[in-house]
Amino acid sequence: MDYPAWIVGGVGPGWIIGLIATFHVLISQFAVGGGIFLPTTEAWARKNNREDVIDFLKDFSRFFLILTNVVGAISGIGIWWAIGLISPQASSSLIRLFSFIWATEWAVFLVEIISLVFYYYGWEKMSPKVHQTIGWIYATTAWLSLFTINGILTFMLTPGDWPTTHNFMHAYFNNGFWPALVVRTLICISLAGIYATFVVSKMPQDSRFRKELLAYTSSWLVPTYGLLIASLIWYFSTLPAPILQSLLSGLAGGVGKAAFGNMAIVSRIALLGILAVITTGLGFFVSAYLNPREFTWRKSALLLAGMAIFVASYEYTREYLRKPYVIRGFMFSNGVPLKATTKKPLNRSFTEEMRFKPKDSTLGEQMFVGQCMACHTMSGYRALDKRLAGRDSESIYQLLIIMQKPEKENPYHSVMPPLIGTEEEVRALSAYLYDSIQVIEKKAKGTKVDKASVEN
């Protein structure tokens, strides 16, 4: 372990990244879609001499500026903070591999935020032609920001031939690049249309302007949802065969193999996301487009929540499908590189390779922090006290030994990284897990805990 560990309990490190990332994704993708929506709608309004639509866009752009440039930027910093502390090995690898792409994205983002400021404050100060040009500069740079990040995100799940060729183009323009780019672009457009529809739905119901705008904003949504379903099918078809097989097996709830049982939850979440897309698409078509008079802001809020559910489901599924890797075919979720488990024997010392160890920690705790804590907590998310309930130290040791066996003899190989460690280290880990679970059980029963026994 080349970096200090951030010891996280409760919800676990994965949920910290997931919650911050999902919140940021919703805002950043709205920033891209809104960037397309604003100049497109302005051009339509200018062409048809619709000053009422221009006034609507002025108010829309004010909220848009605050949400994307302030809240979006802060949540983006939050992602870097979280991944830097929770998964420093993977973050470092991605920065080194895609340093040029990161630099490009930051340069594009700088132009993006500056152009948005000029766009908002230029409504009364620029000619319509110049103002629309600034709007298209923002839309272009916002989408380019999505383009640059998309290659890095898809690489983590579908690195293609890069693990063997180490060719940058193979890494960036990987198998999932183009379908994921289409999916994310359609999500961006949908989010812009959904929020615009939400704003319009709060206008007086008998307003003719409200009816016209609902028809216009709905026209952004109805075809987009159909294309989104098709692009999702395209995206999933690019996944490696073992991942797709596990995902489909999880839909049937298969538990005959460890991978299939563990995939059941993520498969259902993926299905929930697809159902959310279908439901919200039909909801907008039936209510906002066909029956705008009775379309209320409450209905719009429900459909907005449905799209948020889809985005969260999509991001969760994409993240979980990488397991047991954080960068598939290169680095496991606990930060251990794949070559560290294939080029060297697994029964070597792990703690001797750790450059940073928790202060005053035992051998077992060091093993837990270095190899288990990235995915598991003792009594929170993926709690080990539930998974190891009823086992004694020897039984836990025998379970851990399985994770040092070849893939054919290890039913957990598709969902958990191989375990590195000498017999002494593995026994220390099993004792640490057992003692920690005993402490949790005694606390639950209200029994006094003997701290000395745990520390020893």
Protein backbone atom coordinates (compact mmCIF):
# COMPACT_ATOMS: atom_id res chain seq x y z
CA MET A 1 0.00 0.00 0.00
CA ASP A 2 1.74 3.13 -1.27
CA TYR A 3 -0.60 5.70 0.32
CA PRO A 4 -2.03 6.36 3.79
CA ALA A 5 -5.46 4.82 4.35
CA TRP A 6 -8.58 6.79 5.21
CA ILE A 7 -10.37 4.51 7.65
CA VAL A 8 -14.12 4.74 7.02
CA GLY A 9 -16.88 2.96 8.89
CA GLY A 10 -20.67 3.16 8.69
CA VAL A 11 -21.80 3.61 5.11
CA GLY A 12 -18.38 2.62 3.79
CA PRO A 13 -16.08 4.38 1.33
CA GLY A 14 -17.98 3.24 -1.76
CA TRP A 15 -21.15 5.03 -0.71
CA ILE A 16 -19.26 8.24 0.05
CA ILE A 17 -17.93 8.33 -3.51
CA GLY A 18 -21.26 7.17 -4.92
CA LEU A 19 -23.41 9.78 -3.20
CA ILE A 20 -21.12 12.67 -4.10
CA ALA A 21 -20.60 11.42 -7.65
CA THR A 22 -24.30 10.85 -8.37
CA PHE A 23 -25.17 14.33 -7.12
CA HIS A 24 -22.40 15.83 -9.26
CA VAL A 25 -23.35 13.79 -12.32
CA LEU A 26 -26.94 15.05 -12.16
CA ILE A 27 -25.72 18.65 -12.08
CA SER A 28 -22.89 18.31 -14.61
CA GLN A 29 -25.06 16.48 -17.13
CA PHE A 30 -27.78 19.10 -16.67
CA ALA A 31 -25.03 21.67 -17.37
CA VAL A 32 -24.33 20.00 -20.72
CA GLY A 33 -27.97 19.55 -21.68
CA GLY A 34 -28.92 23.04 -20.52
CA GLY A 35 -26.02 24.41 -22.52
CA ILE A 36 -27.60 22.91 -25.65
CA PHE A 37 -31.14 23.92 -24.62
CA LEU A 38 -30.42 27.63 -24.01
CA PRO A 39 -28.91 28.72 -27.38
CA THR A 40 -31.21 26.39 -29.34
CA THR A 41 -34.30 27.84 -27.69
CA GLU A 42 -32.94 31.37 -27.97
CA ALA A 43 -32.46 30.91 -31.70
CA TRP A 44 -36.03 29.65 -32.01
CA ALA A 45 -37.34 32.59 -29.99
CA ARG A 46 -35.37 35.18 -31.99
CA LYS A 47 -36.55 33.69 -35.27
CA ASN A 48 -40.21 33.85 -34.17
CA ASN A 49 -39.94 37.21 -32.35
CA ARG A 50 -40.93 35.64 -29.03
CA GLU A 51 -39.85 38.11 -26.36
CA ASP A 52 -41.85 36.16 -23.78
CA VAL A 53 -39.63 33.13 -24.42
CA ILE A 54 -36.52 35.33 -24.15
CA ASP A 55 -37.73 36.53 -20.74
CA PHE A 56 -38.24 32.91 -19.71
CA LEU A 57 -34.70 32.05 -20.81
CA LYS A 58 -33.25 34.96 -18.84
CA ASP A 59 -34.77 33.58 -15.63
CA PHE A 60 -33.81 30.03 -16.60
CA SER A 61 -30.17 31.03 -17.22
CA ARG A 62 -29.90 32.69 -13.78
CA PHE A 63 -30.66 29.48 -11.93
CA PHE A 64 -28.61 27.54 -14.46
CA LEU A 65 -25.55 29.70 -13.77
CA ILE A 66 -25.81 29.33 -10.00
CA LEU A 67 -26.45 25.59 -10.05
CA THR A 68 -23.77 24.60 -12.54
CA ASN A 69 -20.98 27.08 -11.81
CA VAL A 70 -21.32 27.06 -8.03
CA VAL A 71 -22.92 23.82 -6.83
CA GLY A 72 -21.51 21.81 -9.74
CA ALA A 73 -17.99 23.08 -9.17
CA ILE A 74 -18.14 22.41 -5.42
CA SER A 75 -19.45 18.86 -5.92
CA GLY A 76 -16.72 18.28 -8.52
CA ILE A 77 -14.12 19.21 -5.93
CA GLY A 78 -15.90 16.83 -3.58
CA ILE A 79 -15.35 13.96 -5.99
CA TRP A 80 -11.62 14.63 -6.19
CA TRP A 81 -11.49 14.83 -2.40
CA ALA A 82 -13.33 11.52 -2.01
CA ILE A 83 -11.49 9.46 -4.63
CA GLY A 84 -8.13 10.89 -3.58
CA LEU A 85 -8.65 9.71 -0.01
CA ILE A 86 -10.56 6.49 -0.64
CA SER A 87 -8.86 5.17 -3.77
CA PRO A 88 -5.52 6.98 -4.13
CA GLN A 89 -3.84 4.16 -6.06
CA ALA A 90 -6.48 4.18 -8.80
CA SER A 91 -6.63 8.00 -8.88
CA SER A 92 -2.87 8.20 -9.28
CA SER A 93 -2.89 5.62 -12.09
CA LEU A 94 -5.65 7.43 -13.99
CA ILE A 95 -3.91 10.80 -13.61
CA ARG A 96 -0.63 9.40 -14.96
CA LEU A 97 -2.25 7.56 -17.85
CA PHE A 98 -4.60 10.36 -18.92
CA SER A 99 -2.59 13.43 -17.89
CA PHE A 100 -3.08 15.07 -21.30
CA ILE A 101 -6.83 14.39 -21.20
CA TRP A 102 -7.16 15.83 -17.70
CA ALA A 103 -5.28 18.96 -18.79
CA THR A 104 -7.55 19.26 -21.82
CA GLU A 105 -10.67 18.87 -19.71
CA TRP A 106 -9.58 21.56 -17.24
CA ALA A 107 -8.79 23.96 -20.12
CA VAL A 108 -12.18 23.24 -21.72
CA PHE A 109 -13.93 23.67 -18.37
CA LEU A 110 -12.29 27.07 -17.88
CA VAL A 111 -13.68 28.29 -21.22
CA GLU A 112 -17.02 26.72 -20.31
CA ILE A 113 -17.53 28.61 -17.06
CA ILE A 114 -16.26 31.91 -18.48
CA SER A 115 -18.57 31.70 -21.50
CA LEU A 116 -21.56 30.92 -19.26
CA VAL A 117 -20.87 34.03 -17.17
CA PHE A 118 -20.68 36.13 -20.35
CA TYR A 119 -23.86 34.49 -21.65
CA TYR A 120 -25.90 35.28 -18.54
CA TYR A 121 -24.70 38.85 -18.12
CA GLY A 122 -24.86 39.56 -21.86
CA TRP A 123 -28.61 39.40 -22.41
CA GLU A 124 -28.96 43.20 -22.42
CA LYS A 125 -25.37 44.10 -23.34
CA MET A 126 -24.71 42.07 -26.51
CA SER A 127 -26.32 41.87 -29.92
CA PRO A 128 -28.48 38.77 -30.42
CA LYS A 129 -25.95 37.30 -32.86
CA VAL A 130 -22.99 37.72 -30.50
CA HIS A 131 -25.03 36.48 -27.55
CA GLN A 132 -26.06 33.32 -29.36
CA THR A 133 -22.45 32.75 -30.43
CA ILE A 134 -21.38 32.90 -26.78
CA GLY A 135 -24.16 30.44 -25.99
CA TRP A 136 -22.91 28.00 -28.61
CA ILE A 137 -19.36 28.36 -27.30
CA TYR A 138 -20.65 27.31 -23.90
CA ALA A 139 -22.67 24.41 -25.35
CA THR A 140 -19.68 23.16 -27.33
CA THR A 141 -17.20 23.35 -24.46
CA ALA A 142 -19.69 21.78 -22.02
CA TRP A 143 -20.16 18.82 -24.37
CA LEU A 144 -16.40 18.57 -24.95
CA SER A 145 -15.97 18.37 -21.18
CA LEU A 146 -18.33 15.39 -21.23
CA PHE A 147 -16.41 13.92 -24.18
CA THR A 148 -13.05 14.06 -22.40
CA ILE A 149 -14.28 12.57 -19.11
CA ASN A 150 -16.29 9.86 -20.87
CA GLY A 151 -13.18 8.13 -22.18
CA ILE A 152 -11.70 7.86 -18.68
CA LEU A 153 -14.91 6.59 -17.10
CA THR A 154 -15.51 3.93 -19.74
CA PHE A 155 -11.87 2.84 -19.62
CA MET A 156 -12.30 1.76 -16.01
CA LEU A 157 -14.91 -0.84 -17.05
CA THR A 158 -13.95 -1.66 -20.64
CA PRO A 159 -10.19 -1.07 -21.06
CA GLY A 160 -10.19 -3.20 -24.20
CA ASP A 161 -6.73 -4.23 -25.35
CA TRP A 162 -4.90 -1.68 -23.21
CA PRO A 163 -3.81 -4.13 -20.43
CA THR A 164 -1.72 -5.97 -23.03
CA THR A 165 -0.86 -3.24 -25.59
CA HIS A 166 -0.59 -0.21 -23.23
CA ASN A 167 -1.59 1.88 -26.24
CA PHE A 168 -3.14 5.19 -25.19
CA MET A 169 -5.66 5.14 -28.05
CA HIS A 170 -6.81 1.66 -27.02
CA ALA A 171 -7.33 2.95 -23.49
CA TYR A 172 -9.21 6.13 -24.31
CA PHE A 173 -11.28 5.05 -27.33
CA ASN A 174 -12.22 1.77 -25.69
CA ASN A 175 -15.15 -0.51 -26.51
CA GLY A 176 -17.63 1.40 -24.39
CA PHE A 177 -16.58 4.92 -25.42
CA TRP A 178 -19.04 5.71 -28.21
CA PRO A 179 -22.20 4.05 -26.83
CA ALA A 180 -21.58 5.58 -23.39
CA LEU A 181 -21.06 8.99 -25.00
CA VAL A 182 -24.41 8.70 -26.77
CA VAL A 183 -26.13 7.54 -23.57
CA ARG A 184 -24.71 10.41 -21.54
CA THR A 185 -25.52 12.99 -24.23
CA LEU A 186 -29.13 11.84 -24.33
CA ILE A 187 -29.30 11.94 -20.53
CA CYS A 188 -28.01 15.52 -20.66
CA ILE A 189 -30.68 16.57 -23.14
CA SER A 190 -33.36 14.81 -21.10
CA LEU A 191 -32.36 16.53 -17.87
CA ALA A 192 -32.47 19.94 -19.56
CA GLY A 193 -35.92 19.25 -20.98
CA ILE A 194 -37.19 17.84 -17.69
CA TYR A 195 -36.10 20.82 -15.62
CA ALA A 196 -37.46 23.29 -18.21
CA THR A 197 -40.76 21.39 -18.13
CA PHE A 198 -40.76 21.58 -14.33
CA VAL A 199 -40.31 25.36 -14.42
CA VAL A 200 -43.01 25.80 -17.06
CA SER A 201 -45.44 23.54 -15.18
CA LYS A 202 -45.52 26.04 -12.29
CA MET A 203 -47.02 28.75 -14.55
CA PRO A 204 -50.80 29.45 -14.45
CA GLN A 205 -52.60 26.45 -15.92
CA ASP A 206 -54.84 28.48 -18.23
CA SER A 207 -51.90 30.31 -19.77
CA ARG A 208 -51.50 29.86 -23.52
CA PHE A 209 -47.78 30.54 -23.09
CA ARG A 210 -47.56 27.64 -20.65
CA LYS A 211 -49.22 25.27 -23.13
CA GLU A 212 -46.88 26.31 -25.94
CA LEU A 213 -43.76 25.94 -23.83
CA LEU A 214 -44.86 22.54 -22.52
CA ALA A 215 -45.28 21.34 -26.08
CA TYR A 216 -41.84 22.68 -26.92
CA THR A 217 -40.01 21.23 -23.90
CA SER A 218 -41.82 17.90 -24.29
CA SER A 219 -40.54 17.71 -27.84
CA TRP A 220 -37.06 17.51 -26.33
CA LEU A 221 -38.04 14.56 -24.18
CA VAL A 222 -40.29 12.12 -26.04
CA PRO A 223 -37.88 11.21 -28.89
CA THR A 224 -34.89 11.38 -26.54
CA TYR A 225 -36.26 8.60 -24.35
CA GLY A 226 -36.74 6.28 -27.33
CA LEU A 227 -33.17 6.88 -28.44
CA LEU A 228 -31.96 6.39 -24.87
CA ILE A 229 -33.39 2.87 -24.69
CA ALA A 230 -31.71 1.96 -27.99
CA SER A 231 -28.37 3.42 -26.91
CA LEU A 232 -28.52 1.53 -23.59
CA ILE A 233 -28.92 -1.73 -25.50
CA TRP A 234 -25.92 -0.75 -27.63
CA TYR A 235 -23.90 0.09 -24.50
CA PHE A 236 -24.62 -3.20 -22.74
CA SER A 237 -23.77 -5.13 -25.92
CA THR A 238 -20.19 -3.80 -25.69
CA LEU A 239 -19.61 -5.23 -22.22
CA PRO A 240 -17.25 -8.22 -21.91
CA ALA A 241 -19.12 -11.53 -22.12
CA PRO A 242 -18.46 -12.59 -18.46
CA ILE A 243 -19.88 -9.28 -17.16
CA LEU A 244 -22.96 -9.46 -19.36
CA GLN A 245 -23.55 -13.09 -18.43
CA SER A 246 -23.36 -12.29 -14.71
CA LEU A 247 -25.66 -9.30 -15.13
CA LEU A 248 -28.30 -11.33 -16.96
CA SER A 249 -27.94 -14.23 -14.50
CA GLY A 250 -28.59 -11.85 -11.64
CA LEU A 251 -31.98 -10.96 -13.15
CA ALA A 252 -33.03 -14.56 -12.58
CA GLY A 253 -31.72 -14.43 -9.02
CA GLY A 254 -29.30 -17.26 -9.59
CA VAL A 255 -27.44 -18.28 -6.46
CA GLY A 256 -25.75 -21.43 -7.65
CA LYS A 257 -22.49 -19.52 -8.08
CA ALA A 258 -21.10 -16.78 -5.88
CA ALA A 259 -20.90 -14.29 -8.76
CA PHE A 260 -24.50 -14.82 -9.80
CA GLY A 261 -25.85 -14.40 -6.29
CA ASN A 262 -23.88 -11.20 -5.74
CA MET A 263 -25.02 -9.85 -9.11
CA ALA A 264 -28.71 -10.24 -8.26
CA ILE A 265 -28.95 -6.83 -6.57
CA VAL A 266 -27.11 -4.88 -9.25
CA SER A 267 -29.11 -6.64 -11.96
CA ARG A 268 -32.34 -5.52 -10.37
CA ILE A 269 -31.02 -1.99 -9.98
CA ALA A 270 -30.13 -1.95 -13.68
CA LEU A 271 -33.63 -3.19 -14.48
CA LEU A 272 -35.08 -0.49 -12.21
CA GLY A 273 -33.17 2.14 -14.18
CA ILE A 274 -34.54 0.87 -17.50
CA LEU A 275 -38.08 0.83 -16.11
CA ALA A 276 -37.58 4.38 -14.82
CA VAL A 277 -36.64 5.54 -18.34
CA ILE A 278 -39.67 3.86 -19.91
CA THR A 279 -42.03 5.18 -17.22
CA THR A 280 -40.83 8.77 -17.34
CA GLY A 281 -40.81 8.79 -21.16
CA LEU A 282 -44.40 7.56 -21.31
CA GLY A 283 -45.36 9.91 -18.49
CA PHE A 284 -44.13 12.98 -20.33
CA PHE A 285 -45.77 11.89 -23.58
CA VAL A 286 -49.18 11.16 -22.03
CA SER A 287 -49.32 14.09 -19.63
CA ALA A 288 -47.08 16.99 -20.66
CA TYR A 289 -47.34 16.51 -24.43
CA LEU A 290 -50.90 15.17 -24.95
CA ASN A 291 -52.58 16.80 -21.95
CA PRO A 292 -50.60 19.92 -20.97
CA ARG A 293 -53.52 21.65 -19.22
CA GLU A 294 -53.65 19.01 -16.47
CA PHE A 295 -49.89 18.63 -16.21
CA THR A 296 -48.96 19.96 -12.74
CA TRP A 297 -45.60 20.72 -11.19
CA ARG A 298 -46.13 17.76 -8.83
CA LYS A 299 -46.32 15.39 -11.79
CA SER A 300 -43.24 17.03 -13.23
CA ALA A 301 -41.40 16.59 -9.92
CA LEU A 302 -42.28 12.87 -9.91
CA LEU A 303 -40.96 12.47 -13.45
CA LEU A 304 -37.84 14.40 -12.52
CA ALA A 305 -37.36 12.00 -9.61
CA GLY A 306 -37.79 9.11 -12.04
CA MET A 307 -34.97 10.43 -14.20
CA ALA A 308 -32.79 10.89 -11.11
CA ILE A 309 -33.47 7.24 -10.23
CA PHE A 310 -32.35 6.20 -13.70
CA VAL A 311 -29.13 8.23 -13.50
CA ALA A 312 -28.33 6.81 -10.04
CA SER A 313 -29.12 3.27 -11.25
CA TYR A 314 -26.94 3.68 -14.34
CA GLU A 315 -23.98 5.00 -12.34
CA TYR A 316 -24.36 2.31 -9.65
CA THR A 317 -24.56 -0.46 -12.23
CA ARG A 318 -21.53 0.85 -14.12
CA GLU A 319 -19.50 1.08 -10.91
CA TYR A 320 -20.52 -2.32 -9.57
CA LEU A 321 -19.90 -4.17 -12.83
CA ARG A 322 -16.19 -3.45 -12.45
CA LYS A 323 -15.96 -5.65 -9.35
CA PRO A 324 -13.59 -6.99 -8.19
CA TYR A 325 -11.64 -4.30 -10.05
CA VAL A 326 -11.54 -0.54 -9.79
CA ILE A 327 -9.81 -0.52 -13.20
CA ARG A 328 -10.81 -3.73 -14.89
CA GLY A 329 -7.93 -5.99 -15.83
CA PHE A 330 -5.41 -3.70 -14.15
CA MET A 331 -6.16 -2.87 -10.51
CA PHE A 332 -8.41 -4.45 -7.91
CA SER A 333 -10.91 -2.47 -5.85
CA ASN A 334 -8.56 -2.49 -2.84
CA GLY A 335 -5.83 -0.77 -4.88
CA VAL A 336 -3.72 -3.89 -5.41
CA PRO A 337 -2.52 -4.12 -9.05
CA LEU A 338 -3.44 -7.29 -10.91
CA LYS A 339 0.21 -8.03 -11.65
CA ALA A 340 0.89 -8.08 -7.89
CA THR A 341 -1.30 -11.19 -7.69
CA THR A 342 -0.15 -12.90 -10.90
CA LYS A 343 3.58 -12.15 -11.09
CA LYS A 344 4.33 -12.99 -7.46
CA PRO A 345 3.12 -15.73 -5.07
CA LEU A 346 0.03 -14.87 -3.01
CA ASN A 347 1.51 -16.39 0.16
CA ARG A 348 4.19 -13.68 0.43
CA SER A 349 4.08 -10.97 3.10
CA PHE A 350 1.62 -8.19 2.38
CA THR A 351 2.38 -5.97 5.37
CA GLU A 352 6.06 -5.77 4.46
CA GLU A 353 5.01 -4.12 1.19
CA MET A 354 2.87 -1.53 2.98
CA ARG A 355 4.62 1.83 3.06
CA PHE A 356 1.96 3.33 5.34
CA LYS A 357 0.35 1.50 8.24
CA PRO A 358 -2.26 2.70 10.73
CA LYS A 359 -0.58 3.98 13.88
CA ASP A 360 -0.35 1.44 16.73
CA SER A 361 -2.16 -1.15 14.61
CA THR A 362 -1.97 -4.91 14.94
CA LEU A 363 -0.95 -7.23 12.13
CA GLY A 364 -4.56 -8.26 11.58
CA GLU A 365 -5.77 -4.67 11.41
CA GLN A 366 -3.09 -3.83 8.84
CA MET A 367 -4.29 -6.70 6.67
CA PHE A 368 -7.90 -5.55 7.02
CA VAL A 369 -7.11 -1.92 6.17
CA GLY A 370 -4.90 -2.84 3.24
CA GLN A 371 -7.06 -5.51 1.57
CA CYS A 372 -10.60 -5.53 2.96
CA MET A 373 -11.62 -2.02 4.01
CA ALA A 374 -12.05 -0.67 0.47
CA CYS A 375 -15.25 -2.72 0.10
CA HIS A 376 -16.28 -3.87 3.58
CA THR A 377 -17.10 -2.41 6.97
CA MET A 378 -17.45 -4.34 10.19
CA SER A 379 -21.05 -3.38 10.88
CA GLY A 380 -22.18 -1.01 8.12
CA TYR A 381 -22.18 -1.34 4.34
CA ARG A 382 -21.29 -4.90 3.21
CA ALA A 383 -20.94 -5.66 6.89
CA LEU A 384 -18.62 -8.50 7.82
CA ASP A 385 -20.39 -9.11 11.12
CA LYS A 386 -23.39 -10.33 9.07
CA ARG A 387 -21.39 -12.24 6.49
CA LEU A 388 -19.20 -14.00 9.04
CA ALA A 389 -21.82 -14.48 11.76
CA GLY A 390 -21.53 -17.82 13.55
CA ARG A 391 -17.96 -18.51 12.42
CA ASP A 392 -15.02 -18.93 14.78
CA SER A 393 -11.50 -17.75 14.03
CA GLU A 394 -10.49 -21.07 12.42
CA SER A 395 -13.56 -21.10 10.18
CA ILE A 396 -12.81 -17.54 9.04
CA TYR A 397 -9.20 -18.56 8.37
CA GLN A 398 -10.33 -21.44 6.15
CA LEU A 399 -12.58 -19.04 4.25
CA LEU A 400 -9.70 -16.61 3.72
CA ILE A 401 -7.44 -19.39 2.49
CA ILE A 402 -9.93 -20.07 -0.33
CA MET A 403 -9.16 -16.58 -1.66
CA GLN A 404 -5.55 -17.65 -2.20
CA LYS A 405 -6.49 -20.64 -4.35
CA PRO A 406 -6.55 -20.74 -8.20
CA GLU A 407 -9.66 -19.34 -9.88
CA LYS A 408 -11.23 -22.76 -10.50
CA GLU A 409 -11.06 -23.53 -6.76
CA ASN A 410 -12.06 -20.03 -5.64
CA PRO A 411 -15.81 -19.34 -6.06
CA TYR A 412 -15.26 -15.73 -4.98
CA HIS A 413 -12.68 -14.79 -7.64
CA SER A 414 -15.18 -12.89 -9.79
CA VAL A 415 -16.32 -10.58 -6.98
CA MET A 416 -13.38 -10.38 -4.56
CA PRO A 417 -9.65 -9.73 -5.09
CA PRO A 418 -7.17 -12.53 -4.29
CA LEU A 419 -5.79 -12.37 -0.75
CA ILE A 420 -2.07 -11.69 -0.33
CA GLY A 421 -0.39 -12.75 2.90
CA THR A 422 1.69 -15.30 4.75
CA GLU A 423 0.03 -17.89 6.95
CA GLU A 424 0.82 -15.72 9.99
CA GLU A 425 -0.80 -12.67 8.37
CA VAL A 426 -3.89 -14.56 7.25
CA ARG A 427 -4.35 -16.05 10.72
CA ALA A 428 -3.86 -12.57 12.22
CA LEU A 429 -6.56 -11.25 9.88
CA SER A 430 -8.96 -14.04 10.77
CA ALA A 431 -8.37 -13.41 14.49
CA TYR A 432 -8.88 -9.66 14.02
CA LEU A 433 -12.15 -10.21 12.15
CA TYR A 434 -13.41 -12.68 14.74
CA ASP A 435 -12.50 -10.48 17.71
CA SER A 436 -14.01 -7.38 16.07
CA ILE A 437 -17.24 -9.23 15.38
CA GLN A 438 -17.35 -10.42 18.98
CA VAL A 439 -17.02 -6.83 20.16
CA ILE A 440 -19.93 -5.79 17.93
CA GLU A 441 -22.11 -8.66 19.16
CA LYS A 442 -21.33 -7.91 22.81
CA LYS A 443 -22.18 -4.24 22.32
CA ALA A 444 -25.46 -5.23 20.70
CA LYS A 445 -26.27 -7.38 23.72
CA GLY A 446 -25.13 -4.72 26.17
CA THR A 447 -22.24 -6.87 27.42
CA LYS A 448 -19.06 -5.20 28.66
CA VAL A 449 -16.27 -5.39 26.11
CA ASP A 450 -12.75 -6.51 27.03
CA LYS A 451 -10.66 -4.15 24.88
CA ALA A 452 -7.40 -5.85 25.78
CA SER A 453 -8.48 -9.10 24.15
CA VAL A 454 -9.24 -7.30 20.92
CA GLU A 455 -5.99 -5.33 20.86
CA ASN A 456 -4.01 -8.50 21.45
